[in-house]
Amino acid sequence: MAIRSPNLSASLQVYAWNPCGSGLEQFFEDLAANWKGWNGEKKWTSLEGELSLVCTTDSVGHISIEVTLFDGWNVRNVFYVDAGQLDQIVLDIKKFFTI
């Protein structure tokens, strides 16, 4: 996983597979299924805690995704997607994790 912005670049190996079925794919499938919005935050953390996502939505279909990398240090960045992009994100994640 990498976070890049004009003044910062950080990367870290992330173990995203979760045998309990609460992996990254399922997290984004839930976001896509609730594309009209939800109350509060939706959170996902990788198996070993080195990556966390916190997502919120506004009233006009924008999703805020706060990404935090942790490895004895923290790097946090927020980016935004439109609700209509979530289905493609799910497809991209499925493709990435297909062996």
C-alpha atoms as a PDB file:
ATOM      1  CA  MET A   1       0.000   0.000   0.000  1.00  0.00           C
ATOM      2  CA  ALA A   2       1.288   3.458  -0.829  1.00  0.00           C
ATOM      3  CA  ILE A   3       0.152   6.963   0.010  1.00  0.00           C
ATOM      4  CA  ARG A   4       1.459   9.739  -2.187  1.00  0.00           C
ATOM      5  CA  SER A   5       0.769  13.455  -2.067  1.00  0.00           C
ATOM      6  CA  PRO A   6       2.788  16.468  -3.236  1.00  0.00           C
ATOM      7  CA  ASN A   7       4.818  16.606   0.001  1.00  0.00           C
ATOM      8  CA  LEU A   8       4.733  13.001   1.197  1.00  0.00           C
ATOM      9  CA  SER A   9       5.293   9.458   0.017  1.00  0.00           C
ATOM     10  CA  ALA A  10       4.908   6.402   2.255  1.00  0.00           C
ATOM     11  CA  SER A  11       4.498   2.709   1.518  1.00  0.00           C
ATOM     12  CA  LEU A  12       4.034  -0.428   3.549  1.00  0.00           C
ATOM     13  CA  GLN A  13       3.320  -4.115   2.942  1.00  0.00           C
ATOM     14  CA  VAL A  14      -0.249  -4.880   4.044  1.00  0.00           C
ATOM     15  CA  TYR A  15      -1.802  -8.231   4.848  1.00  0.00           C
ATOM     16  CA  ALA A  16      -5.417  -7.696   3.769  1.00  0.00           C
ATOM     17  CA  TRP A  17      -6.688 -11.272   3.630  1.00  0.00           C
ATOM     18  CA  ASN A  18      -8.990 -12.135   6.503  1.00  0.00           C
ATOM     19  CA  PRO A  19     -10.212 -15.724   6.976  1.00  0.00           C
ATOM     20  CA  CYS A  20     -13.326 -14.453   8.775  1.00  0.00           C
ATOM     21  CA  GLY A  21     -14.725 -12.948   5.569  1.00  0.00           C
ATOM     22  CA  SER A  22     -14.450  -9.305   6.555  1.00  0.00           C
ATOM     23  CA  GLY A  23     -11.840  -8.392   3.994  1.00  0.00           C
ATOM     24  CA  LEU A  24     -11.345  -5.326   1.876  1.00  0.00           C
ATOM     25  CA  GLU A  25     -13.578  -6.664  -0.906  1.00  0.00           C
ATOM     26  CA  GLN A  26     -16.533  -7.119   1.458  1.00  0.00           C
ATOM     27  CA  PHE A  27     -15.955  -3.678   2.962  1.00  0.00           C
ATOM     28  CA  PHE A  28     -16.191  -1.954  -0.418  1.00  0.00           C
ATOM     29  CA  GLU A  29     -19.138  -4.149  -1.454  1.00  0.00           C
ATOM     30  CA  ASP A  30     -20.964  -2.816   1.618  1.00  0.00           C
ATOM     31  CA  LEU A  31     -20.080   0.774   0.669  1.00  0.00           C
ATOM     32  CA  ALA A  32     -21.361   0.179  -2.876  1.00  0.00           C
ATOM     33  CA  ALA A  33     -24.582  -1.434  -1.606  1.00  0.00           C
ATOM     34  CA  ASN A  34     -25.171   1.646   0.561  1.00  0.00           C
ATOM     35  CA  TRP A  35     -24.196   4.170  -2.119  1.00  0.00           C
ATOM     36  CA  LYS A  36     -27.057   6.503  -1.135  1.00  0.00           C
ATOM     37  CA  GLY A  37     -25.259   7.166   2.140  1.00  0.00           C
ATOM     38  CA  TRP A  38     -25.134   6.070   5.754  1.00  0.00           C
ATOM     39  CA  ASN A  39     -24.911   7.616   9.194  1.00  0.00           C
ATOM     40  CA  GLY A  40     -21.569   7.905  10.937  1.00  0.00           C
ATOM     41  CA  GLU A  41     -18.378   6.132   9.933  1.00  0.00           C
ATOM     42  CA  LYS A  42     -17.707   2.781   8.297  1.00  0.00           C
ATOM     43  CA  LYS A  43     -14.330   1.369   9.336  1.00  0.00           C
ATOM     44  CA  TRP A  44     -12.042  -1.391   8.123  1.00  0.00           C
ATOM     45  CA  THR A  45      -8.668  -2.459   9.507  1.00  0.00           C
ATOM     46  CA  SER A  46      -6.257  -4.938   7.966  1.00  0.00           C
ATOM     47  CA  LEU A  47      -5.554  -8.222   9.713  1.00  0.00           C
ATOM     48  CA  GLU A  48      -2.396  -6.947  11.432  1.00  0.00           C
ATOM     49  CA  GLY A  49      -3.539  -3.337  11.891  1.00  0.00           C
ATOM     50  CA  GLU A  50      -1.051  -1.708   9.537  1.00  0.00           C
ATOM     51  CA  LEU A  51      -3.811  -0.211   7.335  1.00  0.00           C
ATOM     52  CA  SER A  52      -7.098   1.337   8.357  1.00  0.00           C
ATOM     53  CA  LEU A  53      -9.864   2.963   6.347  1.00  0.00           C
ATOM     54  CA  VAL A  54     -12.551   5.252   7.733  1.00  0.00           C
ATOM     55  CA  CYS A  55     -15.317   6.215   5.308  1.00  0.00           C
ATOM     56  CA  THR A  56     -18.033   8.816   5.617  1.00  0.00           C
ATOM     57  CA  THR A  57     -20.563  10.156   3.160  1.00  0.00           C
ATOM     58  CA  ASP A  58     -22.265  13.472   2.575  1.00  0.00           C
ATOM     59  CA  SER A  59     -25.750  14.289   1.320  1.00  0.00           C
ATOM     60  CA  VAL A  60     -24.708  14.693  -2.331  1.00  0.00           C
ATOM     61  CA  GLY A  61     -23.026  11.338  -3.030  1.00  0.00           C
ATOM     62  CA  HIS A  62     -19.405  11.970  -2.076  1.00  0.00           C
ATOM     63  CA  ILE A  63     -17.464   9.382  -0.097  1.00  0.00           C
ATOM     64  CA  SER A  64     -14.553  10.488   2.081  1.00  0.00           C
ATOM     65  CA  ILE A  65     -11.946   7.750   2.562  1.00  0.00           C
ATOM     66  CA  GLU A  66      -9.380   8.372   5.286  1.00  0.00           C
ATOM     67  CA  VAL A  67      -6.405   6.031   4.843  1.00  0.00           C
ATOM     68  CA  THR A  68      -3.954   5.473   7.697  1.00  0.00           C
ATOM     69  CA  LEU A  69      -0.738   3.463   7.480  1.00  0.00           C
ATOM     70  CA  PHE A  70       0.861   2.382  10.759  1.00  0.00           C
ATOM     71  CA  ASP A  71       4.269   0.781  11.290  1.00  0.00           C
ATOM     72  CA  GLY A  72       5.549   2.433  14.453  1.00  0.00           C
ATOM     73  CA  TRP A  73       4.742   5.689  12.640  1.00  0.00           C
ATOM     74  CA  ASN A  74       1.442   6.994  11.269  1.00  0.00           C
ATOM     75  CA  VAL A  75       0.724   8.432   7.857  1.00  0.00           C
ATOM     76  CA  ARG A  76      -2.801   9.619   7.169  1.00  0.00           C
ATOM     77  CA  ASN A  77      -4.385  10.951   3.996  1.00  0.00           C
ATOM     78  CA  VAL A  78      -7.972  11.600   2.944  1.00  0.00           C
ATOM     79  CA  PHE A  79      -9.297  11.260  -0.575  1.00  0.00           C
ATOM     80  CA  TYR A  80     -12.751  11.498  -2.072  1.00  0.00           C
ATOM     81  CA  VAL A  81     -14.723   9.431  -4.572  1.00  0.00           C
ATOM     82  CA  ASP A  82     -18.208   9.765  -5.995  1.00  0.00           C
ATOM     83  CA  ALA A  83     -20.714   7.116  -4.940  1.00  0.00           C
ATOM     84  CA  GLY A  84     -21.003   6.075  -8.601  1.00  0.00           C
ATOM     85  CA  GLN A  85     -17.340   4.984  -8.583  1.00  0.00           C
ATOM     86  CA  LEU A  86     -17.811   2.356  -5.859  1.00  0.00           C
ATOM     87  CA  ASP A  87     -18.942  -0.463  -8.180  1.00  0.00           C
ATOM     88  CA  GLN A  88     -15.772  -0.080 -10.263  1.00  0.00           C
ATOM     89  CA  ILE A  89     -13.631   0.024  -7.118  1.00  0.00           C
ATOM     90  CA  VAL A  90     -15.196  -3.295  -6.025  1.00  0.00           C
ATOM     91  CA  LEU A  91     -14.418  -4.830  -9.439  1.00  0.00           C
ATOM     92  CA  ASP A  92     -10.826  -3.556  -9.267  1.00  0.00           C
ATOM     93  CA  ILE A  93     -10.352  -5.014  -5.774  1.00  0.00           C
ATOM     94  CA  LYS A  94     -11.778  -8.384  -6.873  1.00  0.00           C
ATOM     95  CA  LYS A  95      -9.441  -8.401  -9.865  1.00  0.00           C
ATOM     96  CA  PHE A  96      -6.446  -7.502  -7.681  1.00  0.00           C
ATOM     97  CA  PHE A  97      -7.119 -10.309  -5.178  1.00  0.00           C
ATOM     98  CA  THR A  98      -7.901 -12.964  -7.808  1.00  0.00           C
ATOM     99  CA  ILE A  99      -5.133 -15.528  -7.833  1.00  0.00           C
END
